């Protein structure tokens, strides 16, 4: 199921990068674990580490998308709803 989610993440993040957005992944996993997913799905954005509890507070989806503008959350989506994101 997560694989299907990362296919959708890849599509929206490629579009975001093309439109000038900065894109990062936040994870509490080991860098090696992310590296496997990054290579499998050809993800092209930076990795940042975050405490798992904090991530669960921010977004309750794995994977999920959050948009920010000047430090303010402007949107949050589960991977299931990625197709509804308008950049």
N, C-alpha and C. Protein backbone atom coordinates (compact mmCIF):
# COMPACT_ATOMS: atom_id res chain seq x y z
N UNK A 1 0.83 -1.19 0.00
CA UNK A 1 0.00 0.00 0.00
C UNK A 1 0.88 1.26 0.00
N UNK A 2 1.95 1.25 0.78
CA UNK A 2 2.83 2.42 0.82
C UNK A 2 3.45 2.67 -0.54
N UNK A 3 3.76 1.59 -1.29
CA UNK A 3 4.33 1.75 -2.62
C UNK A 3 3.41 2.55 -3.53
N UNK A 4 2.13 2.25 -3.48
CA UNK A 4 1.14 2.99 -4.27
C UNK A 4 1.14 4.47 -3.85
N UNK A 5 1.30 4.71 -2.56
CA UNK A 5 1.36 6.08 -2.06
C UNK A 5 2.56 6.83 -2.59
N UNK A 6 3.71 6.17 -2.63
CA UNK A 6 4.90 6.86 -3.11
C UNK A 6 4.86 7.12 -4.61
N UNK A 7 4.12 6.31 -5.37
CA UNK A 7 3.93 6.63 -6.79
C UNK A 7 3.19 7.95 -6.93
N UNK A 8 2.18 8.17 -6.10
CA UNK A 8 1.43 9.44 -6.12
C UNK A 8 2.30 10.59 -5.62
N UNK A 9 3.09 10.33 -4.58
CA UNK A 9 4.00 11.35 -4.04
C UNK A 9 4.97 11.78 -5.13
N UNK A 10 5.51 10.85 -5.86
CA UNK A 10 6.46 11.15 -6.93
C UNK A 10 5.84 12.09 -7.96
N UNK A 11 4.61 11.80 -8.34
CA UNK A 11 3.93 12.62 -9.34
C UNK A 11 3.75 14.07 -8.86
N UNK A 12 3.24 14.26 -7.65
CA UNK A 12 2.97 15.62 -7.16
C UNK A 12 4.26 16.36 -6.82
N UNK A 13 5.26 15.66 -6.31
CA UNK A 13 6.50 16.35 -5.96
C UNK A 13 7.27 16.76 -7.21
N UNK A 14 7.22 15.96 -8.26
CA UNK A 14 7.84 16.37 -9.52
C UNK A 14 7.17 17.64 -10.04
N UNK A 15 5.84 17.69 -9.95
CA UNK A 15 5.11 18.88 -10.38
C UNK A 15 5.47 20.08 -9.51
N UNK A 16 5.55 19.86 -8.21
CA UNK A 16 5.90 20.96 -7.29
C UNK A 16 7.30 21.50 -7.59
N UNK A 17 8.26 20.62 -7.78
CA UNK A 17 9.62 21.06 -8.09
C UNK A 17 9.66 21.85 -9.40
N UNK A 18 8.91 21.38 -10.39
CA UNK A 18 8.84 22.06 -11.67
C UNK A 18 8.25 23.47 -11.52
N UNK A 19 7.37 23.64 -10.53
CA UNK A 19 6.73 24.93 -10.29
C UNK A 19 7.46 25.79 -9.26
N UNK A 20 8.69 25.40 -8.89
CA UNK A 20 9.51 26.23 -8.03
C UNK A 20 9.35 25.99 -6.53
N UNK A 21 8.63 24.97 -6.14
CA UNK A 21 8.49 24.65 -4.72
C UNK A 21 9.77 24.00 -4.21
N UNK A 22 10.07 24.20 -2.93
CA UNK A 22 11.10 23.44 -2.25
C UNK A 22 10.41 22.21 -1.68
N UNK A 23 11.00 21.03 -1.89
CA UNK A 23 10.38 19.78 -1.45
C UNK A 23 11.34 19.03 -0.54
N UNK A 24 10.82 18.56 0.59
CA UNK A 24 11.60 17.78 1.55
C UNK A 24 10.77 16.60 2.02
N UNK A 25 11.44 15.54 2.41
CA UNK A 25 10.77 14.45 3.09
C UNK A 25 11.14 14.55 4.57
N UNK A 26 10.14 14.42 5.44
CA UNK A 26 10.37 14.36 6.88
C UNK A 26 10.16 12.92 7.30
N UNK A 27 11.11 12.35 8.01
CA UNK A 27 11.01 10.96 8.41
C UNK A 27 11.66 10.74 9.77
N UNK A 28 11.18 9.74 10.46
CA UNK A 28 11.83 9.31 11.69
C UNK A 28 12.59 8.01 11.44
N UNK A 29 12.56 7.55 10.20
CA UNK A 29 13.25 6.32 9.81
C UNK A 29 14.74 6.58 9.61
N UNK A 30 15.47 5.51 9.51
CA UNK A 30 16.90 5.62 9.25
C UNK A 30 17.12 6.08 7.80
N UNK A 31 18.21 6.79 7.58
CA UNK A 31 18.53 7.28 6.24
C UNK A 31 18.61 6.13 5.24
N UNK A 32 19.10 4.99 5.67
CA UNK A 32 19.22 3.83 4.79
C UNK A 32 17.84 3.35 4.32
N UNK A 33 16.84 3.42 5.20
CA UNK A 33 15.48 3.01 4.84
C UNK A 33 14.91 3.96 3.78
N UNK A 34 15.12 5.25 3.98
CA UNK A 34 14.64 6.23 3.00
C UNK A 34 15.37 6.04 1.67
N UNK A 35 16.65 5.75 1.73
CA UNK A 35 17.44 5.58 0.52
C UNK A 35 16.86 4.47 -0.37
N UNK A 36 16.38 3.40 0.24
CA UNK A 36 15.78 2.30 -0.51
C UNK A 36 14.53 2.80 -1.24
N UNK A 37 13.67 3.54 -0.52
CA UNK A 37 12.44 4.08 -1.12
C UNK A 37 12.78 5.13 -2.17
N UNK A 38 13.76 5.98 -1.86
CA UNK A 38 14.16 7.03 -2.82
C UNK A 38 14.60 6.42 -4.14
N UNK A 39 15.41 5.38 -4.07
CA UNK A 39 15.89 4.74 -5.29
C UNK A 39 14.77 3.99 -6.02
N UNK A 40 13.92 3.29 -5.27
CA UNK A 40 12.85 2.51 -5.87
C UNK A 40 11.86 3.39 -6.65
N UNK A 41 11.56 4.58 -6.10
CA UNK A 41 10.57 5.45 -6.72
C UNK A 41 11.18 6.68 -7.40
N UNK A 42 12.51 6.72 -7.47
CA UNK A 42 13.23 7.82 -8.13
C UNK A 42 12.82 9.18 -7.56
N UNK A 43 12.77 9.26 -6.24
CA UNK A 43 12.42 10.52 -5.57
C UNK A 43 13.61 11.45 -5.62
N UNK A 44 13.36 12.74 -5.81
CA UNK A 44 14.46 13.68 -6.00
C UNK A 44 14.36 14.87 -5.06
N UNK A 45 14.17 14.58 -3.77
CA UNK A 45 14.12 15.67 -2.81
C UNK A 45 14.88 15.30 -1.55
N UNK A 46 15.19 16.31 -0.76
CA UNK A 46 16.06 16.17 0.41
C UNK A 46 15.36 15.47 1.58
N UNK A 47 16.18 14.84 2.40
CA UNK A 47 15.73 14.12 3.59
C UNK A 47 16.00 14.93 4.84
N UNK A 48 14.99 15.09 5.68
CA UNK A 48 15.13 15.73 6.98
C UNK A 48 14.59 14.77 8.04
N UNK A 49 15.26 14.70 9.18
CA UNK A 49 14.82 13.81 10.25
C UNK A 49 13.93 14.54 11.24
N UNK A 50 12.95 13.81 11.78
CA UNK A 50 12.01 14.38 12.72
C UNK A 50 11.56 13.26 13.67
N UNK A 51 11.25 13.61 14.89
CA UNK A 51 10.75 12.64 15.85
C UNK A 51 9.42 12.06 15.36
N UNK A 52 9.23 10.75 15.55
CA UNK A 52 8.02 10.08 15.09
C UNK A 52 6.75 10.63 15.70
N UNK A 53 6.78 10.97 16.98
CA UNK A 53 5.60 11.54 17.64
C UNK A 53 5.24 12.88 17.03
N UNK A 54 6.24 13.67 16.74
CA UNK A 54 6.00 14.98 16.11
C UNK A 54 5.37 14.79 14.73
N UNK A 55 5.88 13.83 13.97
CA UNK A 55 5.32 13.58 12.65
C UNK A 55 3.86 13.14 12.73
N UNK A 56 3.55 12.31 13.71
CA UNK A 56 2.16 11.86 13.88
C UNK A 56 1.26 13.02 14.27
N UNK A 57 1.81 13.99 14.98
CA UNK A 57 1.04 15.18 15.34
C UNK A 57 0.81 16.07 14.12
N UNK A 58 1.82 16.19 13.28
CA UNK A 58 1.73 17.05 12.10
C UNK A 58 0.76 16.46 11.08
N UNK A 59 0.96 15.20 10.73
CA UNK A 59 0.13 14.57 9.69
C UNK A 59 -0.04 13.10 10.03
N UNK A 60 -1.25 12.62 9.95
CA UNK A 60 -1.55 11.26 10.36
C UNK A 60 -1.67 10.33 9.16
N UNK A 61 -0.77 10.49 8.21
CA UNK A 61 -0.77 9.66 7.00
C UNK A 61 0.66 9.29 6.65
N UNK A 62 0.84 8.13 6.07
CA UNK A 62 2.16 7.69 5.66
C UNK A 62 2.03 7.02 4.29
N UNK A 63 2.46 7.69 3.24
CA UNK A 63 2.99 9.05 3.20
C UNK A 63 1.88 10.09 3.14
N UNK A 64 2.25 11.31 3.44
CA UNK A 64 1.34 12.44 3.39
C UNK A 64 2.06 13.66 2.84
N UNK A 65 1.29 14.66 2.46
CA UNK A 65 1.83 15.90 1.90
C UNK A 65 1.35 17.07 2.74
N UNK A 66 2.27 17.99 3.03
CA UNK A 66 1.95 19.23 3.73
C UNK A 66 2.50 20.37 2.90
N UNK A 67 1.74 21.43 2.74
CA UNK A 67 2.25 22.63 2.09
C UNK A 67 2.34 23.74 3.13
N UNK A 68 3.40 24.52 2.99
CA UNK A 68 3.65 25.65 3.90
C UNK A 68 3.88 26.90 3.08
N UNK A 69 3.47 28.03 3.64
CA UNK A 69 3.81 29.33 3.05
C UNK A 69 4.22 30.23 4.19
N UNK A 70 5.48 30.68 4.15
CA UNK A 70 6.04 31.52 5.21
C UNK A 70 5.86 30.89 6.59
N UNK A 71 6.03 29.58 6.67
CA UNK A 71 5.95 28.87 7.94
C UNK A 71 4.54 28.53 8.40
N UNK A 72 3.54 28.86 7.62
CA UNK A 72 2.15 28.56 7.97
C UNK A 72 1.65 27.40 7.13
N UNK A 73 1.04 26.41 7.77
CA UNK A 73 0.49 25.27 7.05
C UNK A 73 -0.67 25.75 6.18
N UNK A 74 -0.58 25.48 4.88
CA UNK A 74 -1.65 25.88 3.96
C UNK A 74 -2.43 24.69 3.43
N UNK A 75 -1.96 23.48 3.72
CA UNK A 75 -2.68 22.29 3.29
C UNK A 75 -2.05 21.02 3.84
N UNK A 76 -2.90 20.00 4.06
CA UNK A 76 -2.43 18.69 4.51
C UNK A 76 -3.27 17.63 3.81
N UNK A 77 -2.61 16.62 3.24
CA UNK A 77 -3.31 15.57 2.53
C UNK A 77 -2.68 14.21 2.83
N UNK A 78 -3.51 13.21 2.92
CA UNK A 78 -3.06 11.83 2.92
C UNK A 78 -2.68 11.48 1.48
N UNK A 79 -1.85 10.48 1.30
CA UNK A 79 -1.47 10.08 -0.07
C UNK A 79 -2.70 9.70 -0.90
N UNK A 80 -3.77 9.27 -0.25
CA UNK A 80 -4.98 8.88 -0.95
C UNK A 80 -5.62 10.08 -1.64
N UNK A 81 -5.43 11.28 -1.08
CA UNK A 81 -6.04 12.50 -1.60
C UNK A 81 -5.10 13.37 -2.41
N UNK A 82 -3.93 12.87 -2.74
CA UNK A 82 -2.93 13.67 -3.45
C UNK A 82 -3.47 14.24 -4.75
N UNK A 83 -4.34 13.51 -5.43
CA UNK A 83 -4.87 13.97 -6.71
C UNK A 83 -5.70 15.25 -6.58
N UNK A 84 -6.08 15.63 -5.37
CA UNK A 84 -6.89 16.83 -5.17
C UNK A 84 -6.04 18.07 -4.93
N UNK A 85 -4.72 17.91 -4.82
CA UNK A 85 -3.83 19.04 -4.53
C UNK A 85 -3.72 19.95 -5.75
N UNK A 86 -3.90 21.23 -5.50
CA UNK A 86 -3.72 22.26 -6.54
C UNK A 86 -2.51 23.11 -6.15
N UNK A 87 -1.47 23.09 -6.98
CA UNK A 87 -0.26 23.87 -6.69
C UNK A 87 -0.35 25.24 -7.33
